[in-house]
Amino acid sequence: MKFRKILYLILGCIGLGLGAVGAVLPLLPAFPFLLLAAFCFAKSSEKLHLWFTGTKLYRNNLESYLKGQGMTWSTKIRIMITVTLLMTIGFLMMNEIMAGRIVLTLVWVFHILYFLFGVKTRKTVSSE
């Protein structure tokens, strides 16, 4: 049991680090890494989870989504553009692997549809 908590702690720290970098760099999305950090901290340590949910990084990037309020259009668009660019690189690298291209295309289409229709869109950003 202790090994699992340590593993969650390590993954949470990695997610937090990549999420913090993603909050600054436009090419790296912060959202999935911060979501990973929130999940891992909740599993590893209540104290760390409470600290993380009190940070501005959490409030600005995850809080509204996890409360079911959705995301702003700018956040959704930033995530969709980033994933599109990264998947395009993978798609181009698989120029002779048709099955890989098909899978990437299907994942990309699902991703776009999910963010367009599956995630609520908030009109304004609160407390940024």
C-alpha atoms as a PDB file:
ATOM      1  CA  MET A   1       0.000   0.000   0.000  1.00  0.00           C
ATOM      2  CA  LYS A   2       2.817   2.410   0.805  1.00  0.00           C
ATOM      3  CA  PHE A   3       4.428   1.778  -2.609  1.00  0.00           C
ATOM      4  CA  ARG A   4       1.189   2.795  -4.332  1.00  0.00           C
ATOM      5  CA  LYS A   5       1.028   6.076  -2.383  1.00  0.00           C
ATOM      6  CA  ILE A   6       4.644   6.849  -3.266  1.00  0.00           C
ATOM      7  CA  LEU A   7       3.935   6.103  -6.932  1.00  0.00           C
ATOM      8  CA  TYR A   8       0.896   8.426  -6.876  1.00  0.00           C
ATOM      9  CA  LEU A   9       2.994  11.088  -5.165  1.00  0.00           C
ATOM     10  CA  ILE A  10       5.713  10.874  -7.828  1.00  0.00           C
ATOM     11  CA  LEU A  11       3.179  10.921 -10.687  1.00  0.00           C
ATOM     12  CA  GLY A  12       1.391  13.860  -9.032  1.00  0.00           C
ATOM     13  CA  CYS A  13       4.630  15.843  -8.812  1.00  0.00           C
ATOM     14  CA  ILE A  14       5.433  15.095 -12.460  1.00  0.00           C
ATOM     15  CA  GLY A  15       1.902  16.140 -13.472  1.00  0.00           C
ATOM     16  CA  LEU A  16       2.203  19.323 -11.421  1.00  0.00           C
ATOM     17  CA  GLY A  17       5.570  20.192 -12.962  1.00  0.00           C
ATOM     18  CA  LEU A  18       4.414  19.583 -16.533  1.00  0.00           C
ATOM     19  CA  GLY A  19       1.139  21.388 -15.830  1.00  0.00           C
ATOM     20  CA  ALA A  20       2.986  24.419 -14.484  1.00  0.00           C
ATOM     21  CA  VAL A  21       5.178  24.483 -17.595  1.00  0.00           C
ATOM     22  CA  GLY A  22       2.071  24.029 -19.759  1.00  0.00           C
ATOM     23  CA  ALA A  23       0.389  26.994 -18.090  1.00  0.00           C
ATOM     24  CA  VAL A  24       3.236  29.182 -19.376  1.00  0.00           C
ATOM     25  CA  LEU A  25       4.112  27.577 -22.718  1.00  0.00           C
ATOM     26  CA  PRO A  26       1.382  27.662 -25.360  1.00  0.00           C
ATOM     27  CA  LEU A  27       2.434  24.374 -27.006  1.00  0.00           C
ATOM     28  CA  LEU A  28       2.148  22.198 -23.890  1.00  0.00           C
ATOM     29  CA  PRO A  29      -1.390  21.844 -22.495  1.00  0.00           C
ATOM     30  CA  ALA A  30      -1.631  22.356 -18.742  1.00  0.00           C
ATOM     31  CA  PHE A  31      -5.066  20.798 -18.284  1.00  0.00           C
ATOM     32  CA  PRO A  32      -4.351  17.042 -18.594  1.00  0.00           C
ATOM     33  CA  PHE A  33      -1.210  17.235 -16.478  1.00  0.00           C
ATOM     34  CA  LEU A  34      -2.939  19.209 -13.732  1.00  0.00           C
ATOM     35  CA  LEU A  35      -5.836  16.764 -13.837  1.00  0.00           C
ATOM     36  CA  LEU A  36      -3.296  13.957 -13.366  1.00  0.00           C
ATOM     37  CA  ALA A  37      -1.760  15.843 -10.436  1.00  0.00           C
ATOM     38  CA  ALA A  38      -5.154  16.386  -8.781  1.00  0.00           C
ATOM     39  CA  PHE A  39      -6.030  12.691  -9.128  1.00  0.00           C
ATOM     40  CA  CYS A  40      -2.656  11.466  -7.887  1.00  0.00           C
ATOM     41  CA  PHE A  41      -2.500  13.881  -4.948  1.00  0.00           C
ATOM     42  CA  ALA A  42      -6.026  12.844  -3.919  1.00  0.00           C
ATOM     43  CA  LYS A  43      -4.864   9.211  -3.907  1.00  0.00           C
ATOM     44  CA  SER A  44      -1.533   9.809  -2.174  1.00  0.00           C
ATOM     45  CA  SER A  45      -2.042  12.464   0.485  1.00  0.00           C
ATOM     46  CA  GLU A  46      -5.020  14.457   1.702  1.00  0.00           C
ATOM     47  CA  LYS A  47      -2.668  17.216   2.851  1.00  0.00           C
ATOM     48  CA  LEU A  48      -1.110  17.553  -0.620  1.00  0.00           C
ATOM     49  CA  HIS A  49      -4.527  17.390  -2.264  1.00  0.00           C
ATOM     50  CA  LEU A  50      -5.842  20.211  -0.067  1.00  0.00           C
ATOM     51  CA  TRP A  51      -2.736  22.282  -0.792  1.00  0.00           C
ATOM     52  CA  PHE A  52      -3.010  21.686  -4.553  1.00  0.00           C
ATOM     53  CA  THR A  53      -6.719  22.539  -4.711  1.00  0.00           C
ATOM     54  CA  GLY A  54      -5.923  25.831  -2.989  1.00  0.00           C
ATOM     55  CA  THR A  55      -3.339  26.951  -5.550  1.00  0.00           C
ATOM     56  CA  LYS A  56      -4.015  29.549  -8.232  1.00  0.00           C
ATOM     57  CA  LEU A  57      -2.798  27.053 -10.852  1.00  0.00           C
ATOM     58  CA  TYR A  58      -5.597  24.664  -9.869  1.00  0.00           C
ATOM     59  CA  ARG A  59      -8.251  27.377  -9.604  1.00  0.00           C
ATOM     60  CA  ASN A  60      -7.420  28.889 -12.994  1.00  0.00           C
ATOM     61  CA  ASN A  61      -7.124  25.641 -14.948  1.00  0.00           C
ATOM     62  CA  LEU A  62      -9.194  22.878 -13.338  1.00  0.00           C
ATOM     63  CA  GLU A  63     -11.624  24.059 -10.702  1.00  0.00           C
ATOM     64  CA  SER A  64     -14.500  25.083 -12.966  1.00  0.00           C
ATOM     65  CA  TYR A  65     -14.213  21.919 -15.060  1.00  0.00           C
ATOM     66  CA  LEU A  66     -14.176  19.608 -12.048  1.00  0.00           C
ATOM     67  CA  LYS A  67     -17.163  21.440 -10.554  1.00  0.00           C
ATOM     68  CA  GLY A  68     -19.086  20.741 -13.758  1.00  0.00           C
ATOM     69  CA  GLN A  69     -19.077  24.374 -14.897  1.00  0.00           C
ATOM     70  CA  GLY A  70     -17.039  23.697 -18.028  1.00  0.00           C
ATOM     71  CA  MET A  71     -14.242  25.682 -19.682  1.00  0.00           C
ATOM     72  CA  THR A  72     -13.944  28.969 -21.482  1.00  0.00           C
ATOM     73  CA  TRP A  73     -13.750  28.961 -25.275  1.00  0.00           C
ATOM     74  CA  SER A  74     -10.151  30.159 -25.142  1.00  0.00           C
ATOM     75  CA  THR A  75      -9.145  27.197 -22.955  1.00  0.00           C
ATOM     76  CA  LYS A  76     -10.981  24.723 -25.183  1.00  0.00           C
ATOM     77  CA  ILE A  77      -9.441  26.183 -28.332  1.00  0.00           C
ATOM     78  CA  ARG A  78      -5.929  26.183 -26.830  1.00  0.00           C
ATOM     79  CA  ILE A  79      -6.270  22.504 -25.902  1.00  0.00           C
ATOM     80  CA  MET A  80      -7.695  21.547 -29.314  1.00  0.00           C
ATOM     81  CA  ILE A  81      -4.952  23.401 -31.201  1.00  0.00           C
ATOM     82  CA  THR A  82      -2.211  21.824 -29.096  1.00  0.00           C
ATOM     83  CA  VAL A  83      -3.547  18.313 -29.544  1.00  0.00           C
ATOM     84  CA  THR A  84      -4.078  18.914 -33.268  1.00  0.00           C
ATOM     85  CA  LEU A  85      -0.463  20.046 -33.703  1.00  0.00           C
ATOM     86  CA  LEU A  86       0.951  17.129 -31.733  1.00  0.00           C
ATOM     87  CA  MET A  87      -1.221  14.566 -33.493  1.00  0.00           C
ATOM     88  CA  THR A  88      -0.302  16.039 -36.853  1.00  0.00           C
ATOM     89  CA  ILE A  89       3.351  15.363 -36.079  1.00  0.00           C
ATOM     90  CA  GLY A  90       2.500  11.753 -35.218  1.00  0.00           C
ATOM     91  CA  PHE A  91       0.335  11.459 -38.330  1.00  0.00           C
ATOM     92  CA  LEU A  92       3.141  12.695 -40.578  1.00  0.00           C
ATOM     93  CA  MET A  93       5.651  10.356 -38.958  1.00  0.00           C
ATOM     94  CA  MET A  94       3.388   7.392 -39.735  1.00  0.00           C
ATOM     95  CA  ASN A  95       3.395   7.993 -43.466  1.00  0.00           C
ATOM     96  CA  GLU A  96       3.707   4.266 -44.244  1.00  0.00           C
ATOM     97  CA  ILE A  97       1.587   2.927 -41.379  1.00  0.00           C
ATOM     98  CA  MET A  98      -2.013   3.326 -42.490  1.00  0.00           C
ATOM     99  CA  ALA A  99      -3.493   1.697 -39.367  1.00  0.00           C
ATOM    100  CA  GLY A 100      -1.607   4.193 -37.186  1.00  0.00           C
ATOM    101  CA  ARG A 101      -2.905   7.105 -39.243  1.00  0.00           C
ATOM    102  CA  ILE A 102      -6.467   5.800 -38.980  1.00  0.00           C
ATOM    103  CA  VAL A 103      -6.208   5.402 -35.194  1.00  0.00           C
ATOM    104  CA  LEU A 104      -4.708   8.885 -34.786  1.00  0.00           C
ATOM    105  CA  THR A 105      -7.426  10.371 -36.968  1.00  0.00           C
ATOM    106  CA  LEU A 106     -10.172   8.662 -34.952  1.00  0.00           C
ATOM    107  CA  VAL A 107      -8.634   9.782 -31.647  1.00  0.00           C
ATOM    108  CA  TRP A 108      -8.303  13.330 -32.986  1.00  0.00           C
ATOM    109  CA  VAL A 109     -11.935  13.423 -34.185  1.00  0.00           C
ATOM    110  CA  PHE A 110     -13.137  12.080 -30.813  1.00  0.00           C
ATOM    111  CA  HIS A 111     -11.029  14.688 -29.019  1.00  0.00           C
ATOM    112  CA  ILE A 112     -12.439  17.573 -31.053  1.00  0.00           C
ATOM    113  CA  LEU A 113     -16.026  16.342 -30.684  1.00  0.00           C
ATOM    114  CA  TYR A 114     -15.575  15.872 -26.946  1.00  0.00           C
ATOM    115  CA  PHE A 115     -14.322  19.412 -26.398  1.00  0.00           C
ATOM    116  CA  LEU A 116     -16.941  20.925 -28.703  1.00  0.00           C
ATOM    117  CA  PHE A 117     -19.977  19.015 -27.428  1.00  0.00           C
ATOM    118  CA  GLY A 118     -18.996  17.114 -24.273  1.00  0.00           C
ATOM    119  CA  VAL A 119     -17.445  19.904 -22.221  1.00  0.00           C
ATOM    120  CA  LYS A 120     -19.671  22.785 -21.166  1.00  0.00           C
ATOM    121  CA  THR A 121     -18.590  26.224 -22.310  1.00  0.00           C
ATOM    122  CA  ARG A 122     -18.397  28.957 -19.666  1.00  0.00           C
ATOM    123  CA  LYS A 123     -19.165  32.491 -20.711  1.00  0.00           C
ATOM    124  CA  THR A 124     -16.706  34.244 -18.393  1.00  0.00           C
ATOM    125  CA  VAL A 125     -13.634  33.426 -16.363  1.00  0.00           C
ATOM    126  CA  SER A 126     -14.164  33.840 -12.633  1.00  0.00           C
ATOM    127  CA  SER A 127     -11.416  35.022 -10.254  1.00  0.00           C
ATOM    128  CA  GLU A 128      -8.371  34.904 -12.526  1.00  0.00           C
END
